[in-house]
Amino acid sequence: MEIEEKIDAVLEKIRPFLRQEGGDIKLDHFDKDTGICYVDMIGACAGCVLASSDVSDSIEVMVRDEVIEVKKVELIAPKQESFDDLLRRLQEQQQAELELEKLNKERDGK
């Protein structure tokens, strides 16, 4: 299995939690020379003020534990969003919040 496939397998374990909040994570690339894995937060996670701490505090720990070739995980700089991208992201976040609210109501039996 290639290093990128191993990294993506770890990210797949994280995705359900991010998707509950309307976000996601994807592998941008892995630099074999430095051992740095570059990831991109997308959806509601893109541009989130907590994204960099999420990457350094938890995602990096998980990836490094399971993929020994990875020495560090870095978040790539968010791209400047167009108005349409921002509107789409806000709609995705609103939809995710509605779905989470619905799931919580179903779980609570209301």
N, C-alpha and C. Protein backbone atom coordinates (compact mmCIF):
# COMPACT_ATOMS: atom_id res chain seq x y z
N MET A 1 0.85 -1.19 0.00
CA MET A 1 0.00 0.00 0.00
C MET A 1 0.89 1.25 0.00
N GLU A 2 0.57 2.19 -0.84
CA GLU A 2 1.32 3.44 -0.93
C GLU A 2 1.09 4.29 0.32
N ILE A 3 2.03 5.17 0.60
CA ILE A 3 1.93 6.03 1.78
C ILE A 3 0.66 6.88 1.71
N GLU A 4 0.37 7.43 0.53
CA GLU A 4 -0.83 8.26 0.38
C GLU A 4 -2.10 7.47 0.69
N GLU A 5 -2.12 6.20 0.30
CA GLU A 5 -3.29 5.35 0.60
C GLU A 5 -3.41 5.11 2.10
N LYS A 6 -2.28 4.93 2.77
CA LYS A 6 -2.30 4.75 4.23
C LYS A 6 -2.82 6.00 4.92
N ILE A 7 -2.35 7.16 4.45
CA ILE A 7 -2.78 8.42 5.04
C ILE A 7 -4.29 8.59 4.83
N ASP A 8 -4.74 8.33 3.61
CA ASP A 8 -6.17 8.50 3.32
C ASP A 8 -7.02 7.54 4.15
N ALA A 9 -6.51 6.36 4.44
CA ALA A 9 -7.24 5.40 5.28
C ALA A 9 -7.43 5.97 6.69
N VAL A 10 -6.42 6.65 7.20
CA VAL A 10 -6.54 7.28 8.52
C VAL A 10 -7.53 8.44 8.45
N LEU A 11 -7.42 9.25 7.40
CA LEU A 11 -8.34 10.39 7.25
C LEU A 11 -9.78 9.91 7.14
N GLU A 12 -9.98 8.75 6.55
CA GLU A 12 -11.32 8.18 6.40
C GLU A 12 -11.95 7.92 7.77
N LYS A 13 -11.14 7.61 8.75
CA LYS A 13 -11.65 7.39 10.11
C LYS A 13 -12.11 8.70 10.76
N ILE A 14 -11.52 9.80 10.33
CA ILE A 14 -11.80 11.12 10.90
C ILE A 14 -13.01 11.77 10.22
N ARG A 15 -13.20 11.45 8.95
CA ARG A 15 -14.22 12.13 8.14
C ARG A 15 -15.63 12.13 8.73
N PRO A 16 -16.11 11.03 9.30
CA PRO A 16 -17.48 11.06 9.83
C PRO A 16 -17.71 12.18 10.87
N PHE A 17 -16.71 12.44 11.68
CA PHE A 17 -16.83 13.49 12.69
C PHE A 17 -16.87 14.87 12.04
N LEU A 18 -16.04 15.08 11.04
CA LEU A 18 -16.02 16.36 10.35
C LEU A 18 -17.30 16.57 9.55
N ARG A 19 -17.80 15.51 8.95
CA ARG A 19 -19.01 15.62 8.13
C ARG A 19 -20.23 15.95 8.97
N GLN A 20 -20.23 15.56 10.23
CA GLN A 20 -21.34 15.93 11.11
C GLN A 20 -21.44 17.43 11.26
N GLU A 21 -20.32 18.10 11.08
CA GLU A 21 -20.29 19.56 11.19
C GLU A 21 -20.33 20.24 9.82
N GLY A 22 -20.52 19.45 8.76
CA GLY A 22 -20.59 20.01 7.41
C GLY A 22 -19.24 20.20 6.75
N GLY A 23 -18.21 19.58 7.31
CA GLY A 23 -16.87 19.73 6.75
C GLY A 23 -16.29 18.42 6.29
N ASP A 24 -15.04 18.47 5.92
CA ASP A 24 -14.33 17.27 5.48
C ASP A 24 -12.84 17.61 5.43
N ILE A 25 -12.05 16.60 5.18
CA ILE A 25 -10.60 16.76 5.06
C ILE A 25 -10.14 15.94 3.87
N LYS A 26 -9.15 16.46 3.16
CA LYS A 26 -8.59 15.67 2.06
C LYS A 26 -7.08 15.82 2.07
N LEU A 27 -6.44 14.78 1.61
CA LEU A 27 -4.99 14.80 1.46
C LEU A 27 -4.66 15.63 0.23
N ASP A 28 -3.83 16.65 0.41
CA ASP A 28 -3.37 17.44 -0.72
C ASP A 28 -2.17 16.73 -1.35
N HIS A 29 -1.15 16.47 -0.54
CA HIS A 29 0.00 15.70 -1.01
C HIS A 29 0.89 15.32 0.16
N PHE A 30 1.75 14.36 -0.09
CA PHE A 30 2.74 13.93 0.89
C PHE A 30 4.12 14.15 0.30
N ASP A 31 4.97 14.85 1.03
CA ASP A 31 6.33 15.11 0.60
C ASP A 31 7.24 14.05 1.20
N LYS A 32 7.68 13.11 0.38
CA LYS A 32 8.50 11.99 0.86
C LYS A 32 9.85 12.46 1.39
N ASP A 33 10.37 13.56 0.86
CA ASP A 33 11.68 14.05 1.29
C ASP A 33 11.65 14.60 2.72
N THR A 34 10.56 15.29 3.07
CA THR A 34 10.47 15.91 4.40
C THR A 34 9.61 15.11 5.37
N GLY A 35 8.77 14.20 4.86
CA GLY A 35 7.86 13.46 5.72
C GLY A 35 6.64 14.26 6.12
N ILE A 36 6.40 15.37 5.42
CA ILE A 36 5.27 16.23 5.76
C ILE A 36 4.07 15.87 4.89
N CYS A 37 2.96 15.69 5.56
CA CYS A 37 1.68 15.40 4.92
C CYS A 37 0.88 16.70 4.92
N TYR A 38 0.46 17.13 3.75
CA TYR A 38 -0.30 18.37 3.63
C TYR A 38 -1.78 18.02 3.41
N VAL A 39 -2.64 18.58 4.26
CA VAL A 39 -4.07 18.32 4.17
C VAL A 39 -4.83 19.62 3.94
N ASP A 40 -6.03 19.48 3.43
CA ASP A 40 -6.89 20.62 3.15
C ASP A 40 -8.22 20.37 3.85
N MET A 41 -8.67 21.33 4.64
CA MET A 41 -9.98 21.26 5.26
C MET A 41 -10.97 21.87 4.27
N ILE A 42 -12.09 21.19 4.06
CA ILE A 42 -13.06 21.67 3.08
C ILE A 42 -14.44 21.74 3.70
N GLY A 43 -15.38 22.30 2.96
CA GLY A 43 -16.73 22.47 3.47
C GLY A 43 -16.74 23.46 4.61
N ALA A 44 -17.53 23.18 5.64
CA ALA A 44 -17.64 24.09 6.78
C ALA A 44 -16.33 24.22 7.54
N CYS A 45 -15.42 23.27 7.37
CA CYS A 45 -14.13 23.32 8.06
C CYS A 45 -13.15 24.27 7.39
N ALA A 46 -13.39 24.59 6.12
CA ALA A 46 -12.49 25.48 5.39
C ALA A 46 -12.53 26.86 6.02
N GLY A 47 -11.39 27.35 6.41
CA GLY A 47 -11.31 28.68 6.99
C GLY A 47 -11.74 28.75 8.44
N CYS A 48 -12.11 27.64 9.04
CA CYS A 48 -12.51 27.63 10.45
C CYS A 48 -11.31 28.00 11.31
N VAL A 49 -11.53 28.82 12.32
CA VAL A 49 -10.43 29.25 13.17
C VAL A 49 -9.84 28.09 13.97
N LEU A 50 -10.59 27.01 14.15
CA LEU A 50 -10.10 25.87 14.90
C LEU A 50 -9.40 24.83 14.02
N ALA A 51 -9.44 25.00 12.71
CA ALA A 51 -8.91 23.98 11.80
C ALA A 51 -7.44 23.68 12.06
N SER A 52 -6.62 24.70 12.24
CA SER A 52 -5.19 24.44 12.43
C SER A 52 -4.93 23.73 13.75
N SER A 53 -5.67 24.06 14.79
CA SER A 53 -5.46 23.35 16.06
C SER A 53 -6.00 21.93 15.98
N ASP A 54 -7.09 21.72 15.24
CA ASP A 54 -7.61 20.36 15.03
C ASP A 54 -6.56 19.50 14.34
N VAL A 55 -5.90 20.08 13.34
CA VAL A 55 -4.88 19.34 12.60
C VAL A 55 -3.70 19.02 13.51
N SER A 56 -3.20 20.02 14.21
CA SER A 56 -2.00 19.79 15.02
C SER A 56 -2.29 18.99 16.29
N ASP A 57 -3.48 19.12 16.87
CA ASP A 57 -3.77 18.47 18.15
C ASP A 57 -4.28 17.04 18.01
N SER A 58 -5.00 16.74 16.95
CA SER A 58 -5.58 15.40 16.88
C SER A 58 -5.29 14.67 15.57
N ILE A 59 -5.48 15.32 14.47
CA ILE A 59 -5.31 14.65 13.18
C ILE A 59 -3.86 14.21 13.00
N GLU A 60 -2.92 15.09 13.34
CA GLU A 60 -1.51 14.75 13.20
C GLU A 60 -1.16 13.54 14.08
N VAL A 61 -1.68 13.52 15.29
CA VAL A 61 -1.39 12.40 16.19
C VAL A 61 -1.87 11.08 15.59
N MET A 62 -3.08 11.08 15.07
CA MET A 62 -3.63 9.85 14.49
C MET A 62 -2.83 9.40 13.27
N VAL A 63 -2.53 10.34 12.39
CA VAL A 63 -1.80 9.98 11.16
C VAL A 63 -0.40 9.48 11.50
N ARG A 64 0.29 10.18 12.38
CA ARG A 64 1.66 9.77 12.74
C ARG A 64 1.68 8.42 13.45
N ASP A 65 0.64 8.14 14.24
CA ASP A 65 0.57 6.84 14.92
C ASP A 65 0.45 5.69 13.94
N GLU A 66 -0.28 5.90 12.86
CA GLU A 66 -0.58 4.80 11.94
C GLU A 66 0.30 4.77 10.69
N VAL A 67 0.92 5.89 10.36
CA VAL A 67 1.76 5.95 9.16
C VAL A 67 3.13 6.48 9.59
N ILE A 68 4.05 5.55 9.81
CA ILE A 68 5.34 5.93 10.40
C ILE A 68 6.17 6.85 9.51
N GLU A 69 5.89 6.86 8.22
CA GLU A 69 6.64 7.72 7.30
C GLU A 69 6.30 9.20 7.50
N VAL A 70 5.15 9.48 8.10
CA VAL A 70 4.71 10.87 8.29
C VAL A 70 5.37 11.43 9.54
N LYS A 71 6.07 12.54 9.37
CA LYS A 71 6.74 13.22 10.48
C LYS A 71 5.93 14.39 10.99
N LYS A 72 5.09 14.97 10.12
CA LYS A 72 4.32 16.16 10.47
C LYS A 72 3.12 16.26 9.53
N VAL A 73 2.04 16.82 10.04
CA VAL A 73 0.85 17.08 9.21
C VAL A 73 0.62 18.58 9.24
N GLU A 74 0.52 19.17 8.06
CA GLU A 74 0.30 20.62 7.97
C GLU A 74 -0.94 20.91 7.14
N LEU A 75 -1.64 21.92 7.58
CA LEU A 75 -2.82 22.40 6.88
C LEU A 75 -2.38 23.37 5.79
N ILE A 76 -2.81 23.12 4.56
CA ILE A 76 -2.44 24.06 3.49
C ILE A 76 -3.24 25.34 3.69
N ALA A 77 -2.68 26.43 3.23
CA ALA A 77 -3.34 27.72 3.39
C ALA A 77 -4.67 27.72 2.66
N PRO A 78 -5.72 28.19 3.32
CA PRO A 78 -7.02 28.22 2.65
C PRO A 78 -6.99 29.18 1.47
N LYS A 79 -7.67 28.76 0.43
CA LYS A 79 -7.75 29.60 -0.76
C LYS A 79 -8.81 30.68 -0.53
N GLN A 80 -8.61 31.81 -1.14
CA GLN A 80 -9.59 32.88 -1.03
C GLN A 80 -10.89 32.44 -1.70
N GLU A 81 -11.98 32.50 -0.98
CA GLU A 81 -13.25 32.04 -1.51
C GLU A 81 -13.95 33.12 -2.33
N SER A 82 -14.58 32.69 -3.39
CA SER A 82 -15.43 33.61 -4.13
C SER A 82 -16.75 33.73 -3.38
N PHE A 83 -17.55 34.68 -3.75
CA PHE A 83 -18.86 34.85 -3.11
C PHE A 83 -19.70 33.60 -3.29
N ASP A 84 -19.67 33.00 -4.48
CA ASP A 84 -20.45 31.77 -4.72
C ASP A 84 -19.97 30.62 -3.85
N ASP A 85 -18.65 30.50 -3.67
CA ASP A 85 -18.11 29.46 -2.81
C ASP A 85 -18.53 29.67 -1.36
N LEU A 86 -18.47 30.91 -0.92
CA LEU A 86 -18.88 31.22 0.44
C LEU A 86 -20.36 30.92 0.65
N LEU A 87 -21.18 31.30 -0.29
CA LEU A 87 -22.61 31.03 -0.20
C LEU A 87 -22.88 29.53 -0.18
N ARG A 88 -22.19 28.78 -1.02
CA ARG A 88 -22.35 27.32 -1.05
C ARG A 88 -21.93 26.71 0.28
N ARG A 89 -20.81 27.18 0.82
CA ARG A 89 -20.31 26.65 2.09
C ARG A 89 -21.29 26.95 3.22
N LEU A 90 -21.85 28.15 3.23
CA LEU A 90 -22.83 28.49 4.26
C LEU A 90 -24.09 27.63 4.13
N GLN A 91 -24.51 27.36 2.91
CA GLN A 91 -25.67 26.50 2.70
C GLN A 91 -25.38 25.07 3.16
N GLU A 92 -24.17 24.58 2.88
CA GLU A 92 -23.78 23.24 3.33
C GLU A 92 -23.76 23.17 4.85
N GLN A 93 -23.25 24.21 5.47
CA GLN A 93 -23.19 24.24 6.93
C GLN A 93 -24.60 24.27 7.52
N GLN A 94 -25.48 25.06 6.92
CA GLN A 94 -26.86 25.13 7.40
C GLN A 94 -27.54 23.78 7.24
N GLN A 95 -27.32 23.12 6.12
CA GLN A 95 -27.90 21.80 5.88
C GLN A 95 -27.37 20.79 6.90
N ALA A 96 -26.07 20.85 7.16
CA ALA A 96 -25.48 19.93 8.15
C ALA A 96 -26.06 20.17 9.54
N GLU A 97 -26.28 21.43 9.90
CA GLU A 97 -26.86 21.75 11.20
C GLU A 97 -28.29 21.22 11.29
N LEU A 98 -29.06 21.35 10.21
CA LEU A 98 -30.43 20.83 10.20
C LEU A 98 -30.44 19.31 10.33
N GLU A 99 -29.53 18.64 9.63
CA GLU A 99 -29.45 17.19 9.71
C GLU A 99 -29.03 16.73 11.11
N LEU A 100 -28.10 17.45 11.71
CA LEU A 100 -27.67 17.10 13.06
C LEU A 100 -28.80 17.31 14.06
N GLU A 101 -29.53 18.40 13.89
CA GLU A 101 -30.68 18.66 14.76
C GLU A 101 -31.73 17.55 14.62
N LYS A 102 -31.98 17.14 13.39
CA LYS A 102 -32.94 16.07 13.14
C LYS A 102 -32.48 14.76 13.80
N LEU A 103 -31.20 14.43 13.65
CA LEU A 103 -30.66 13.21 14.26
C LEU A 103 -30.76 13.27 15.79
N ASN A 104 -30.47 14.42 16.35
CA ASN A 104 -30.57 14.57 17.81
C ASN A 104 -32.01 14.41 18.29
N LYS A 105 -32.96 14.95 17.54
CA LYS A 105 -34.37 14.81 17.91
C LYS A 105 -34.81 13.35 17.81
N GLU A 106 -34.38 12.67 16.76
CA GLU A 106 -34.72 11.25 16.60
C GLU A 106 -34.11 10.42 17.71
N ARG A 107 -32.89 10.74 18.07
CA ARG A 107 -32.20 10.01 19.14
C ARG A 107 -32.90 10.24 20.48
N ASP A 108 -33.35 11.45 20.71
CA ASP A 108 -34.02 11.80 21.97
C ASP A 108 -35.49 11.40 21.97
N GLY A 109 -35.98 10.92 20.82
CA GLY A 109 -37.38 10.47 20.74
C GLY A 109 -38.39 11.60 20.73
N LYS A 110 -38.00 12.73 20.19
CA LYS A 110 -38.92 13.90 20.15
C LYS A 110 -39.43 14.12 18.75
